[in-house]
């Protein structure tokens, strides 16, 4: 069964193709149209996914869309079909009026078939079911508890459930406007950052606050937790449900916490304290929900999804702060992953089967060969492009020699984190490493940390975790072992933690060999890994994207497959070709 998955009108829309329950291609639209957080219809991604999969629309059995408009048709405005309106509205309003007459509720999915010549049936999946598909159905768990939480779906902002096989039992739900995700977004905006985009800046800033924080209790009073695992916000302090107000927080919030920070203003200790309080309240409520979910299900395994689980700090604490012994966080818990989730969920419902093999990677995007990398360098007329026998060995040597490396290999990762195929790399031993990459390469705030990519079998030597711990997608933050922090200062956050990626040879052979060679040269089995993009731009997709980015920042060396491009060979110039 061939399914095309689509999510649109979300931050970072995307498309994917699932064949017989396996993801064969998945691409965010932003990587192709080069517009950060592109949220229109993913036309380019649909076309590219089909091409990468070797399929056409005629080969697709069904299209899965990660939002169900039928739920929003439950309450049609009175007399909406009166007057002169576009007849296109009949597509939504006529079924909506009959649903009202029947007193019927929307089904969790809506299928439109036979509407267009040669168009496969289009099924609209409940947004939270799409999140379940992107987490539980990608997990190794046949049975587990399930927790979904984000800003909002059609109605939901939080869902407690459990799964068995392909069956999902919904246990408790929280409905809009009570939303922990929008609570976090409101503080993000109050602190001068962009909501639905910069929440991880708040997460990073929280680590700088002093331990004595009088803001935490003031903020905790705005969230009331129920014994059933649900919660309510004191809505007097928020405006995100008033869509005519651009602010997500109210005047009452300002009176309690002081004037909001404007973008570009200096960050003060008070801002750090509020960021830390927000993270603390977020973790407190989520931990309480997890305790209730464990009590209700008895499962020791948990699969999570939704934008709230982009909070890698909390993800790393789940096994220690809750009764769950194992937790699965996929590579794309945010909305961009719901194209994959919708397709997998629809496949499971149609076939009554889960995926046959749990994927160990998300290299589902466009791929380029070494020859294509060399051809791109020649098109730009770069005389300093040379092929090397083993790019992993050469790149490790560059890192040891203090060079900042752009690393472009194979198929692009799916998700907001670079996992060794579209990465910027640096020697983690450099004391100035974080400042150099933030200021001269990424052009972003200096307080933001970088990820350590570590050989999987060495993870327990550097982090406080059991041997064999896997963090394949940079989805969790773990504490460094204190005795190791001074070895790799460029990747240790101010609180002694790191958002790590464990790298194994089977899923990422060239990246693994690079780190292995770096370990041979230095004794350190990890490197600094950041996404290959500038601040405000999407991660690079093509060799041409990589070359343009390389020549507009302080990167020293670029690897396009086995093709090495060195700025020093041109006298150190950094002019765009």
Protein backbone atom coordinates (compact mmCIF):
# COMPACT_ATOMS: atom_id res chain seq x y z
CA UNK A 1 0.00 0.00 0.00
CA UNK A 2 1.46 3.36 -1.10
CA UNK A 3 0.43 6.36 0.98
CA UNK A 4 1.34 10.01 0.46
CA UNK A 5 1.38 11.93 3.75
CA UNK A 6 0.96 15.71 3.92
CA UNK A 7 0.90 18.32 6.65
CA UNK A 8 0.28 21.96 5.73
CA UNK A 9 -0.69 25.22 7.40
CA UNK A 10 1.64 24.35 10.28
CA UNK A 11 5.09 25.60 11.18
CA UNK A 12 7.34 23.64 8.82
CA UNK A 13 4.93 21.86 6.47
CA UNK A 14 6.14 18.62 4.91
CA UNK A 15 5.33 15.57 2.83
CA UNK A 16 6.29 11.91 2.84
CA UNK A 17 5.74 8.62 1.03
CA UNK A 18 5.10 5.42 2.98
CA UNK A 19 5.28 2.10 1.11
CA UNK A 20 3.90 -0.97 2.88
CA UNK A 21 4.35 0.72 6.25
CA UNK A 22 7.95 1.89 5.66
CA UNK A 23 8.94 5.53 5.22
CA UNK A 24 10.86 5.77 1.93
CA UNK A 25 10.98 9.57 1.58
CA UNK A 26 10.09 12.55 3.76
CA UNK A 27 10.98 16.21 3.20
CA UNK A 28 10.05 19.54 4.85
CA UNK A 29 8.99 22.14 2.29
CA UNK A 30 11.39 24.72 3.75
CA UNK A 31 14.42 22.74 2.56
CA UNK A 32 13.24 23.08 -1.05
CA UNK A 33 11.66 26.54 -1.22
CA UNK A 34 14.40 27.90 1.15
CA UNK A 35 11.89 29.76 3.33
CA UNK A 36 12.37 29.11 7.03
CA UNK A 37 9.32 27.47 8.59
CA UNK A 38 7.45 27.36 5.29
CA UNK A 39 3.83 26.66 6.16
CA UNK A 40 1.83 26.70 2.91
CA UNK A 41 0.95 23.62 0.91
CA UNK A 42 4.11 21.49 0.46
CA UNK A 43 3.94 21.32 -3.33
CA UNK A 44 7.68 20.96 -3.88
CA UNK A 45 7.98 18.38 -1.11
CA UNK A 46 5.15 16.28 -2.56
CA UNK A 47 6.75 16.28 -6.00
CA UNK A 48 10.21 15.52 -4.64
CA UNK A 49 9.01 12.73 -2.34
CA UNK A 50 7.26 11.03 -5.25
CA UNK A 51 10.38 11.38 -7.40
CA UNK A 52 12.68 10.08 -4.64
CA UNK A 53 10.33 7.10 -4.19
CA UNK A 54 10.14 6.34 -7.91
CA UNK A 55 6.35 6.77 -7.83
CA UNK A 56 3.72 8.93 -9.52
CA UNK A 57 0.28 9.97 -8.32
CA UNK A 58 -1.16 6.99 -10.22
CA UNK A 59 0.85 4.71 -7.92
CA UNK A 60 -0.54 6.25 -4.71
CA UNK A 61 -3.39 4.33 -3.10
CA UNK A 62 -4.41 7.01 -0.61
CA UNK A 63 -3.40 10.47 0.60
CA UNK A 64 -3.26 11.15 4.35
CA UNK A 65 -3.58 14.74 5.60
CA UNK A 66 -2.60 15.53 9.20
CA UNK A 67 -5.64 17.65 10.12
CA UNK A 68 -9.34 16.80 10.17
CA UNK A 69 -11.56 19.73 9.07
CA UNK A 70 -14.69 17.71 9.87
CA UNK A 71 -14.09 18.46 13.55
CA UNK A 72 -14.21 22.18 12.79
CA UNK A 73 -17.44 21.70 10.82
CA UNK A 74 -19.34 20.53 13.89
CA UNK A 75 -20.58 24.05 14.66
CA UNK A 76 -21.48 25.90 11.43
CA UNK A 77 -22.24 29.63 11.78
CA UNK A 78 -26.03 30.20 11.59
CA UNK A 79 -27.19 31.01 8.07
CA UNK A 80 -23.70 30.69 6.66
CA UNK A 81 -25.03 29.44 3.30
CA UNK A 82 -27.28 32.47 2.94
CA UNK A 83 -26.30 35.36 0.71
CA UNK A 84 -23.81 35.34 -2.11
CA UNK A 85 -20.80 33.28 -1.20
CA UNK A 86 -18.33 31.11 -3.04
CA UNK A 87 -19.83 27.76 -3.99
CA UNK A 88 -16.53 26.18 -2.86
CA UNK A 89 -17.83 26.68 0.67
CA UNK A 90 -20.47 24.02 -0.02
CA UNK A 91 -17.72 21.42 0.32
CA UNK A 92 -17.50 22.24 4.01
CA UNK A 93 -20.80 23.89 4.87
CA UNK A 94 -23.27 21.41 3.33
CA UNK A 95 -21.90 18.42 5.32
CA UNK A 96 -21.66 20.73 8.31
CA UNK A 97 -25.35 21.64 8.13
CA UNK A 98 -26.40 17.99 7.86
CA UNK A 99 -24.18 17.12 10.83
CA UNK A 100 -25.98 19.85 12.80
CA UNK A 101 -29.40 18.47 11.79
CA UNK A 102 -28.35 14.97 12.81
CA UNK A 103 -26.78 16.16 16.04
CA UNK A 104 -23.73 14.16 14.92
CA UNK A 105 -20.14 14.49 16.04
CA UNK A 106 -17.24 14.36 13.62
CA UNK A 107 -15.48 11.08 13.04
CA UNK A 108 -11.71 10.97 13.75
CA UNK A 109 -11.05 10.90 10.00
CA UNK A 110 -12.75 12.19 6.87
CA UNK A 111 -12.25 10.69 3.40
CA UNK A 112 -12.99 12.41 0.09
CA UNK A 113 -12.97 10.10 -2.92
CA UNK A 114 -13.98 10.31 -6.59
CA UNK A 115 -13.70 14.08 -6.50
CA UNK A 116 -11.03 14.51 -9.13
CA UNK A 117 -9.87 12.47 -12.10
CA UNK A 118 -6.88 10.28 -11.25
CA UNK A 119 -6.64 11.73 -7.71
CA UNK A 120 -6.33 9.08 -4.97
CA UNK A 121 -8.81 9.23 -2.08
CA UNK A 122 -7.87 11.94 0.41
CA UNK A 123 -8.27 11.08 4.09
CA UNK A 124 -8.02 13.80 6.72
CA UNK A 125 -6.61 12.38 9.95
CA UNK A 126 -7.18 13.83 13.42
CA UNK A 127 -4.06 15.89 14.20
CA UNK A 128 -3.37 14.01 17.43
CA UNK A 129 -3.77 10.66 15.69
CA UNK A 130 -1.09 11.88 13.26
CA UNK A 131 1.14 12.65 16.25
CA UNK A 132 0.48 9.14 17.56
CA UNK A 133 1.57 7.79 14.20
CA UNK A 134 4.80 9.79 14.42
CA UNK A 135 5.62 8.44 17.88
CA UNK A 136 4.01 5.20 19.01
CA UNK A 137 3.83 3.63 15.54
CA UNK A 138 7.52 4.43 14.96
CA UNK A 139 8.50 3.08 18.36
CA UNK A 140 9.63 -0.47 19.16
CA UNK A 141 6.69 -0.80 21.58
CA UNK A 142 3.82 -3.16 20.78
CA UNK A 143 2.12 -1.90 23.96
CA UNK A 144 2.74 1.34 25.83
CA UNK A 145 1.28 4.46 27.34
CA UNK A 146 0.95 7.39 24.93
CA UNK A 147 1.15 11.11 25.70
CA UNK A 148 0.59 13.85 23.10
CA UNK A 149 0.89 17.55 23.91
CA UNK A 150 1.39 20.66 21.80
CA UNK A 151 -0.05 24.15 21.37
CA UNK A 152 -3.30 22.84 19.94
CA UNK A 153 -4.81 20.44 17.45
CA UNK A 154 -8.34 20.78 16.10
CA UNK A 155 -9.60 20.79 19.69
CA UNK A 156 -7.02 19.04 21.80
CA UNK A 157 -4.00 20.39 23.61
CA UNK A 158 -3.16 17.21 25.54
CA UNK A 159 -4.08 13.55 25.16
CA UNK A 160 -3.45 10.65 27.53
CA UNK A 161 -3.84 7.25 25.86
CA UNK A 162 -2.52 3.72 25.61
CA UNK A 163 -1.81 1.55 22.62
CA UNK A 164 -1.92 -2.16 21.88
CA UNK A 165 -1.03 -3.44 18.42
CA UNK A 166 -2.68 -0.86 16.19
CA UNK A 167 -5.50 -0.05 18.63
CA UNK A 168 -5.40 3.21 20.61
CA UNK A 169 -7.54 3.80 23.68
CA UNK A 170 -8.01 7.46 24.61
CA UNK A 171 -8.05 7.93 28.37
CA UNK A 172 -8.14 11.66 29.14
CA UNK A 173 -7.92 14.83 27.08
CA UNK A 174 -7.46 18.55 27.59
CA UNK A 175 -9.16 20.94 25.20
CA UNK A 176 -8.24 24.39 23.92
CA UNK A 177 -7.73 27.04 25.30
CA UNK A 178 -6.08 25.26 28.24
CA UNK A 179 -2.69 24.55 26.71
CA UNK A 180 0.70 24.00 28.31
CA UNK A 181 2.32 24.49 24.91
CA UNK A 182 0.71 27.91 24.46
CA UNK A 183 1.56 28.73 28.09
CA UNK A 184 5.22 28.17 27.19
CA UNK A 185 4.74 30.11 23.95
CA UNK A 186 3.26 33.08 25.80
CA UNK A 187 6.33 33.36 28.01
CA UNK A 188 8.53 32.92 24.94
CA UNK A 189 6.84 35.97 23.40
CA UNK A 190 6.98 37.89 26.71
CA UNK A 191 10.75 37.33 26.76
CA UNK A 192 11.11 38.91 23.32
CA UNK A 193 11.40 35.72 21.27
CA UNK A 194 9.11 34.27 18.58
CA UNK A 195 6.49 31.82 19.81
CA UNK A 196 6.16 28.56 17.85
CA UNK A 197 9.80 28.99 16.92
CA UNK A 198 12.08 30.09 19.76
CA UNK A 199 10.85 28.06 22.71
CA UNK A 200 14.17 26.24 22.83
CA UNK A 201 15.86 29.61 23.44
CA UNK A 202 13.82 29.85 26.65
CA UNK A 203 14.83 26.28 27.49
CA UNK A 204 18.52 27.14 27.00
CA UNK A 205 18.27 30.46 28.85
CA UNK A 206 16.68 28.74 31.85
CA UNK A 207 20.00 27.08 32.74
CA UNK A 208 21.59 30.47 33.48
CA UNK A 209 19.23 31.41 36.34
CA UNK A 210 20.26 31.25 39.97
CA UNK A 211 18.81 28.46 42.09
CA UNK A 212 16.90 30.92 44.31
CA UNK A 213 13.96 31.77 42.04
CA UNK A 214 10.95 33.63 43.40
CA UNK A 215 9.23 33.57 39.99
CA UNK A 216 8.48 29.85 40.03
CA UNK A 217 5.65 29.93 42.55
CA UNK A 218 4.12 33.02 40.92
CA UNK A 219 4.00 31.14 37.62
CA UNK A 220 2.92 27.82 39.13
CA UNK A 221 -0.23 29.51 40.46
CA UNK A 222 -1.39 30.02 36.86
CA UNK A 223 -1.73 26.26 36.23
CA UNK A 224 -4.17 24.06 38.15
CA UNK A 225 -3.53 20.33 37.93
CA UNK A 226 -6.34 17.80 38.28
CA UNK A 227 -6.21 14.35 39.86
CA UNK A 228 -7.31 12.78 36.55
CA UNK A 229 -4.17 13.96 34.73
CA UNK A 230 -5.70 17.06 33.17
CA UNK A 231 -4.99 20.72 33.90
CA UNK A 232 -6.44 24.20 33.51
CA UNK A 233 -4.80 27.60 33.04
CA UNK A 234 -5.86 30.79 34.75
CA UNK A 235 -6.93 32.37 31.48
CA UNK A 236 -7.03 35.86 32.97
CA UNK A 237 -3.27 35.99 32.41
CA UNK A 238 -3.32 35.02 28.72
CA UNK A 239 -4.64 36.26 25.38
CA UNK A 240 -3.63 33.51 22.93
CA UNK A 241 -7.27 32.40 22.64
CA UNK A 242 -8.33 35.95 21.67
CA UNK A 243 -7.26 35.80 18.05
CA UNK A 244 -7.69 39.55 17.53
CA UNK A 245 -4.89 40.26 20.01
CA UNK A 246 -1.32 39.76 18.79
CA UNK A 247 -0.11 39.25 22.33
CA UNK A 248 -0.30 35.81 23.88
CA UNK A 249 -0.15 37.24 27.43
CA UNK A 250 -2.51 39.72 29.08
CA UNK A 251 -2.09 42.98 30.99
CA UNK A 252 -2.61 40.98 34.17
CA UNK A 253 0.45 38.89 33.27
CA UNK A 254 2.46 42.10 32.79
CA UNK A 255 1.34 43.44 36.17
CA UNK A 256 2.53 40.23 37.83
CA UNK A 257 5.87 39.78 36.01
CA UNK A 258 6.84 43.29 34.94
CA UNK A 259 7.32 44.83 31.50
CA UNK A 260 7.91 42.45 28.58
CA UNK A 261 11.32 42.32 26.94
CA UNK A 262 11.44 43.72 23.43
CA UNK A 263 13.33 41.78 20.71
CA UNK A 264 16.98 42.82 20.73
CA UNK A 265 16.94 44.16 24.30
CA UNK A 266 19.60 42.98 26.70
CA UNK A 267 18.84 39.79 28.58
CA UNK A 268 18.83 40.37 32.33
CA UNK A 269 18.86 38.16 35.40
CA UNK A 270 15.10 38.70 35.69
CA UNK A 271 14.61 37.25 32.21
CA UNK A 272 16.75 34.27 33.12
CA UNK A 273 14.67 33.75 36.25
CA UNK A 274 11.39 33.80 34.33
CA UNK A 275 12.78 31.37 31.74
CA UNK A 276 13.85 29.01 34.54
CA UNK A 277 10.47 29.33 36.25
CA UNK A 278 8.70 28.51 32.98
CA UNK A 279 10.81 25.41 32.46
CA UNK A 280 10.28 24.35 36.09
CA UNK A 281 6.48 24.70 35.91
CA UNK A 282 6.41 22.95 32.53
CA UNK A 283 8.38 20.02 33.95
CA UNK A 284 6.28 19.92 37.13
CA UNK A 285 2.98 19.67 35.25
CA UNK A 286 4.25 17.18 32.69
CA UNK A 287 5.77 14.99 35.40
CA UNK A 288 2.47 15.00 37.27
CA UNK A 289 0.63 14.02 34.09
CA UNK A 290 3.07 11.16 33.52
CA UNK A 291 2.49 9.89 37.07
CA UNK A 292 -1.28 9.85 36.50
CA UNK A 293 -0.89 8.19 33.11
CA UNK A 294 1.28 5.47 34.62
CA UNK A 295 -1.29 4.90 37.36
CA UNK A 296 -4.08 4.63 34.78
CA UNK A 297 -2.29 2.28 32.37
CA UNK A 298 0.26 0.32 34.38
CA UNK A 299 2.67 0.46 31.45
CA UNK A 300 6.39 1.01 32.06
CA UNK A 301 6.94 2.27 28.51
CA UNK A 302 5.86 5.65 27.19
CA UNK A 303 5.70 7.05 23.64
CA UNK A 304 5.40 10.84 23.39
CA UNK A 305 4.78 13.33 20.61
CA UNK A 306 3.68 16.92 19.98
CA UNK A 307 5.69 20.12 19.96
CA UNK A 308 6.03 20.12 23.75
CA UNK A 309 8.38 17.14 23.38
CA UNK A 310 10.85 19.22 21.44
CA UNK A 311 11.76 20.14 25.02
CA UNK A 312 14.79 17.88 25.16
CA UNK A 313 15.62 18.91 28.73
CA UNK A 314 12.40 17.38 30.04
CA UNK A 315 12.69 14.39 27.69
CA UNK A 316 15.98 13.43 29.30
CA UNK A 317 14.42 13.54 32.76
CA UNK A 318 11.37 11.36 32.10
CA UNK A 319 12.85 8.03 33.25
CA UNK A 320 14.16 9.61 36.46
CA UNK A 321 11.31 12.01 37.25
CA UNK A 322 8.40 9.68 36.43
CA UNK A 323 7.56 5.99 36.97
CA UNK A 324 8.17 5.18 33.31
CA UNK A 325 11.31 3.10 32.77
CA UNK A 326 11.53 3.68 29.00
CA UNK A 327 10.45 6.58 26.81
CA UNK A 328 10.40 6.88 23.03
CA UNK A 329 10.75 10.33 21.49
CA UNK A 330 10.90 10.34 17.70
CA UNK A 331 13.01 12.61 15.55
CA UNK A 332 10.05 14.89 14.72
CA UNK A 333 7.64 15.28 17.64
CA UNK A 334 6.71 18.73 16.28
CA UNK A 335 4.07 19.30 13.59
CA UNK A 336 6.50 18.79 10.72
CA UNK A 337 6.50 15.09 11.62
CA UNK A 338 2.74 14.70 11.27
CA UNK A 339 2.95 14.06 7.52
CA UNK A 340 4.82 10.85 8.39
CA UNK A 341 2.52 10.21 11.34
CA UNK A 342 -0.67 10.63 9.30
CA UNK A 343 0.58 8.23 6.64
CA UNK A 344 1.68 5.59 9.18
CA UNK A 345 -1.55 5.93 11.17
CA UNK A 346 -3.66 5.52 8.02
CA UNK A 347 -1.60 2.50 6.97
CA UNK A 348 -2.11 0.89 10.38
CA UNK A 349 -5.86 1.48 10.26
CA UNK A 350 -6.24 0.15 6.71
CA UNK A 351 -4.00 -2.91 7.04
CA UNK A 352 -4.30 -3.55 10.81
CA UNK A 353 -0.51 -3.91 10.84
CA UNK A 354 2.32 -1.95 12.41
CA UNK A 355 5.58 -1.24 10.61
CA UNK A 356 7.63 -4.38 10.07
CA UNK A 357 10.95 -2.81 11.11
CA UNK A 358 11.59 0.13 13.43
CA UNK A 359 13.80 2.64 11.57
CA UNK A 360 17.16 3.45 13.16
CA UNK A 361 17.57 6.73 11.29
CA UNK A 362 15.61 9.46 9.50
CA UNK A 363 17.77 9.94 6.41
CA UNK A 364 14.65 10.16 4.26
CA UNK A 365 15.40 13.30 2.26
CA UNK A 366 17.09 13.93 -1.10
CA UNK A 367 20.44 12.21 -1.52
CA UNK A 368 23.48 13.17 -3.55
CA UNK A 369 26.45 11.11 -4.66
CA UNK A 370 30.11 12.07 -4.44
CA UNK A 371 30.04 12.66 -8.20
CA UNK A 372 27.14 15.09 -7.90
CA UNK A 373 29.05 17.01 -5.21
CA UNK A 374 32.04 17.36 -7.50
CA UNK A 375 29.83 18.43 -10.40
CA UNK A 376 28.26 21.17 -8.24
CA UNK A 377 31.71 22.45 -7.27
CA UNK A 378 32.69 22.57 -10.96
CA UNK A 379 29.50 24.45 -11.87
CA UNK A 380 30.51 27.12 -9.37
CA UNK A 381 34.00 27.16 -10.88
CA UNK A 382 35.78 26.24 -7.65
CA UNK A 383 39.39 25.32 -8.40
CA UNK A 384 39.96 24.38 -4.75
CA UNK A 385 37.65 21.33 -4.93
CA UNK A 386 39.51 18.03 -4.71
CA UNK A 387 38.42 14.43 -4.15
CA UNK A 388 39.91 12.70 -1.12
CA UNK A 389 40.22 8.93 -0.56
CA UNK A 390 38.42 8.95 2.80
CA UNK A 391 36.50 12.10 3.77
CA UNK A 392 36.02 10.83 7.33
CA UNK A 393 39.77 10.68 7.93
CA UNK A 394 40.42 14.02 6.23
CA UNK A 395 37.63 15.78 8.13
CA UNK A 396 38.85 14.41 11.47
CA UNK A 397 42.30 15.80 10.70
CA UNK A 398 40.77 19.18 9.82
CA UNK A 399 38.96 19.26 13.17
CA UNK A 400 42.16 18.48 15.06
CA UNK A 401 43.85 21.31 13.16
CA UNK A 402 41.25 23.79 14.41
CA UNK A 403 39.16 24.02 11.24
CA UNK A 404 35.37 24.51 11.25
CA UNK A 405 33.92 21.88 8.93
CA UNK A 406 30.77 21.82 6.82
CA UNK A 407 29.77 18.15 6.48
CA UNK A 408 27.36 17.25 3.63
CA UNK A 409 26.75 13.54 3.02
CA UNK A 410 24.17 11.25 1.43
CA UNK A 411 20.45 11.67 2.12
CA UNK A 412 19.19 14.61 4.14
CA UNK A 413 17.81 14.08 7.64
CA UNK A 414 14.10 14.58 8.30
CA UNK A 415 13.56 16.84 11.29
CA UNK A 416 14.82 20.03 12.84
CA UNK A 417 18.13 18.52 13.95
CA UNK A 418 21.12 17.67 11.81
CA UNK A 419 22.26 14.12 12.52
CA UNK A 420 25.53 13.91 10.64
CA UNK A 421 24.49 14.33 7.01
CA UNK A 422 23.89 18.11 6.95
CA UNK A 423 26.10 19.22 9.85
CA UNK A 424 28.59 21.84 10.98
CA UNK A 425 31.38 20.21 13.00
CA UNK A 426 34.06 21.48 15.40
CA UNK A 427 36.62 20.11 17.82
CA UNK A 428 34.73 20.01 21.16
CA UNK A 429 37.95 20.56 23.12
CA UNK A 430 38.14 24.20 22.01
CA UNK A 431 37.30 26.48 24.98
CA UNK A 432 36.13 29.16 22.54
CA UNK A 433 34.25 26.70 20.35
CA UNK A 434 30.70 27.65 21.29
CA UNK A 435 31.37 31.39 21.01
CA UNK A 436 33.12 31.05 17.64
CA UNK A 437 30.35 29.00 16.03
CA UNK A 438 27.55 31.12 17.51
CA UNK A 439 29.09 34.45 16.46
CA UNK A 440 30.91 33.72 13.20
CA UNK A 441 29.03 30.79 11.69
CA UNK A 442 25.47 30.59 13.03
CA UNK A 443 25.09 34.33 13.81
CA UNK A 444 22.88 33.66 16.83
CA UNK A 445 22.67 34.34 20.57
CA UNK A 446 25.77 33.43 22.54
CA UNK A 447 23.90 31.58 25.31
CA UNK A 448 22.71 28.81 23.00
CA UNK A 449 24.56 25.48 23.37
CA UNK A 450 25.72 22.93 20.80
CA UNK A 451 25.22 19.20 20.65
CA UNK A 452 27.85 16.52 21.25
CA UNK A 453 27.67 13.67 18.72
CA UNK A 454 29.25 10.66 20.45
CA UNK A 455 30.08 7.09 19.49
CA UNK A 456 27.14 5.05 20.77
CA UNK A 457 29.24 2.53 22.69
CA UNK A 458 31.03 5.34 24.60
CA UNK A 459 27.96 7.23 25.79
CA UNK A 460 28.08 6.03 29.41
CA UNK A 461 31.74 7.06 29.66
CA UNK A 462 30.80 10.71 29.21
CA UNK A 463 27.17 10.99 30.34
CA UNK A 464 25.35 9.96 33.48
CA UNK A 465 23.28 7.17 31.96
CA UNK A 466 23.26 3.37 31.76
CA UNK A 467 25.53 1.71 29.19
CA UNK A 468 23.71 1.12 25.92
CA UNK A 469 21.60 4.28 26.21
CA UNK A 470 20.48 5.43 22.76
CA UNK A 471 19.73 9.03 21.85
CA UNK A 472 19.66 8.75 18.08
CA UNK A 473 17.85 11.99 17.26
CA UNK A 474 19.25 14.56 19.74
CA UNK A 475 15.90 14.24 21.47
CA UNK A 476 17.18 14.20 25.05
CA UNK A 477 19.47 16.29 27.24
CA UNK A 478 21.59 14.31 29.71
CA UNK A 479 24.10 15.45 32.36
CA UNK A 480 27.78 15.07 31.59
CA UNK A 481 29.90 13.18 34.05
CA UNK A 482 31.57 16.01 36.00
CA UNK A 483 35.06 14.61 35.45
CA UNK A 484 34.54 14.81 31.67
CA UNK A 485 33.30 18.39 31.36
CA UNK A 486 36.72 20.03 31.08
CA UNK A 487 37.68 17.72 28.20
CA UNK A 488 34.94 19.02 25.89
CA UNK A 489 34.00 22.57 26.98
CA UNK A 490 32.51 23.54 23.60
CA UNK A 491 29.56 21.14 24.03
CA UNK A 492 28.89 21.43 27.77
CA UNK A 493 26.01 23.76 28.64
CA UNK A 494 26.28 26.09 31.61
CA UNK A 495 24.42 23.56 33.80
CA UNK A 496 26.77 20.70 32.90
CA UNK A 497 24.42 19.06 30.39
CA UNK A 498 24.46 18.20 26.70
CA UNK A 499 21.78 17.50 24.07
CA UNK A 500 23.54 14.51 22.64
CA UNK A 501 23.33 12.28 19.61
CA UNK A 502 24.55 8.69 19.81
CA UNK A 503 26.11 7.59 16.51
CA UNK A 504 26.39 3.98 15.36
CA UNK A 505 28.14 2.59 12.29
CA UNK A 506 25.14 0.87 10.74
CA UNK A 507 22.94 3.95 10.39
CA UNK A 508 25.61 6.59 9.67
CA UNK A 509 28.84 4.91 8.53
CA UNK A 510 30.79 7.97 7.33
CA UNK A 511 29.89 10.10 10.35
CA UNK A 512 30.73 7.21 12.66
CA UNK A 513 34.13 6.77 11.01
CA UNK A 514 34.82 10.49 11.31
CA UNK A 515 34.21 10.45 15.07
CA UNK A 516 36.14 7.18 15.39
CA UNK A 517 39.14 8.74 13.62
CA UNK A 518 38.84 11.87 15.78
CA UNK A 519 38.94 9.59 18.83
CA UNK A 520 42.07 7.88 17.48
CA UNK A 521 43.78 11.25 17.07
CA UNK A 522 42.64 12.88 20.32
CA UNK A 523 41.26 10.21 22.65
CA UNK A 524 37.87 12.00 22.63
CA UNK A 525 34.97 9.99 21.08
CA UNK A 526 32.71 12.93 20.27
CA UNK A 527 32.52 16.08 18.14
CA UNK A 528 30.48 19.29 18.23
CA UNK A 529 27.56 18.89 15.82
CA UNK A 530 25.28 21.72 14.72
CA UNK A 531 22.82 21.98 11.85
CA UNK A 532 24.26 23.16 8.53
CA UNK A 533 22.48 26.50 8.20
CA UNK A 534 22.77 30.15 9.15
CA UNK A 535 20.44 31.76 11.68
CA UNK A 536 17.05 32.37 10.05
CA UNK A 537 17.67 29.93 7.18
CA UNK A 538 16.59 26.31 6.69
CA UNK A 539 19.13 23.50 6.88
CA UNK A 540 20.86 23.04 3.54
CA UNK A 541 19.41 20.43 1.20
CA UNK A 542 21.45 20.43 -2.01
CA UNK A 543 25.17 20.80 -2.76
CA UNK A 544 24.40 24.26 -4.13
CA UNK A 545 22.80 25.25 -0.80
CA UNK A 546 25.88 23.97 1.02
CA UNK A 547 28.30 25.91 -1.19
CA UNK A 548 26.37 29.18 -0.80
CA UNK A 549 26.23 28.79 2.97
CA UNK A 550 29.91 27.83 3.13
CA UNK A 551 30.94 31.07 1.45
CA UNK A 552 28.75 33.34 3.58
CA UNK A 553 30.11 32.45 7.01
CA UNK A 554 33.34 31.49 8.76
CA UNK A 555 33.36 27.82 7.81
CA UNK A 556 36.87 26.75 6.81
CA UNK A 557 36.38 23.48 4.96
CA UNK A 558 33.41 21.92 3.16
CA UNK A 559 32.93 18.23 2.38
CA UNK A 560 30.43 17.35 -0.35
CA UNK A 561 30.62 13.59 -0.10
CA UNK A 562 34.29 12.88 -0.72
CA UNK A 563 34.90 16.29 -2.31
CA UNK A 564 36.91 18.65 -0.09
CA UNK A 565 36.73 22.42 -0.62
CA UNK A 566 39.19 24.52 1.39
CA UNK A 567 38.93 28.32 1.61
CA UNK A 568 42.60 28.50 2.47
CA UNK A 569 43.40 27.21 -1.03
CA UNK A 570 41.98 30.48 -2.34
CA UNK A 571 43.89 32.63 0.10
CA UNK A 572 41.26 32.51 2.82
CA UNK A 573 38.68 34.52 0.92
CA UNK A 574 35.04 34.20 1.91
CA UNK A 575 33.34 35.81 -1.06
CA UNK A 576 30.24 34.06 -2.37
CA UNK A 577 30.85 32.36 -5.72
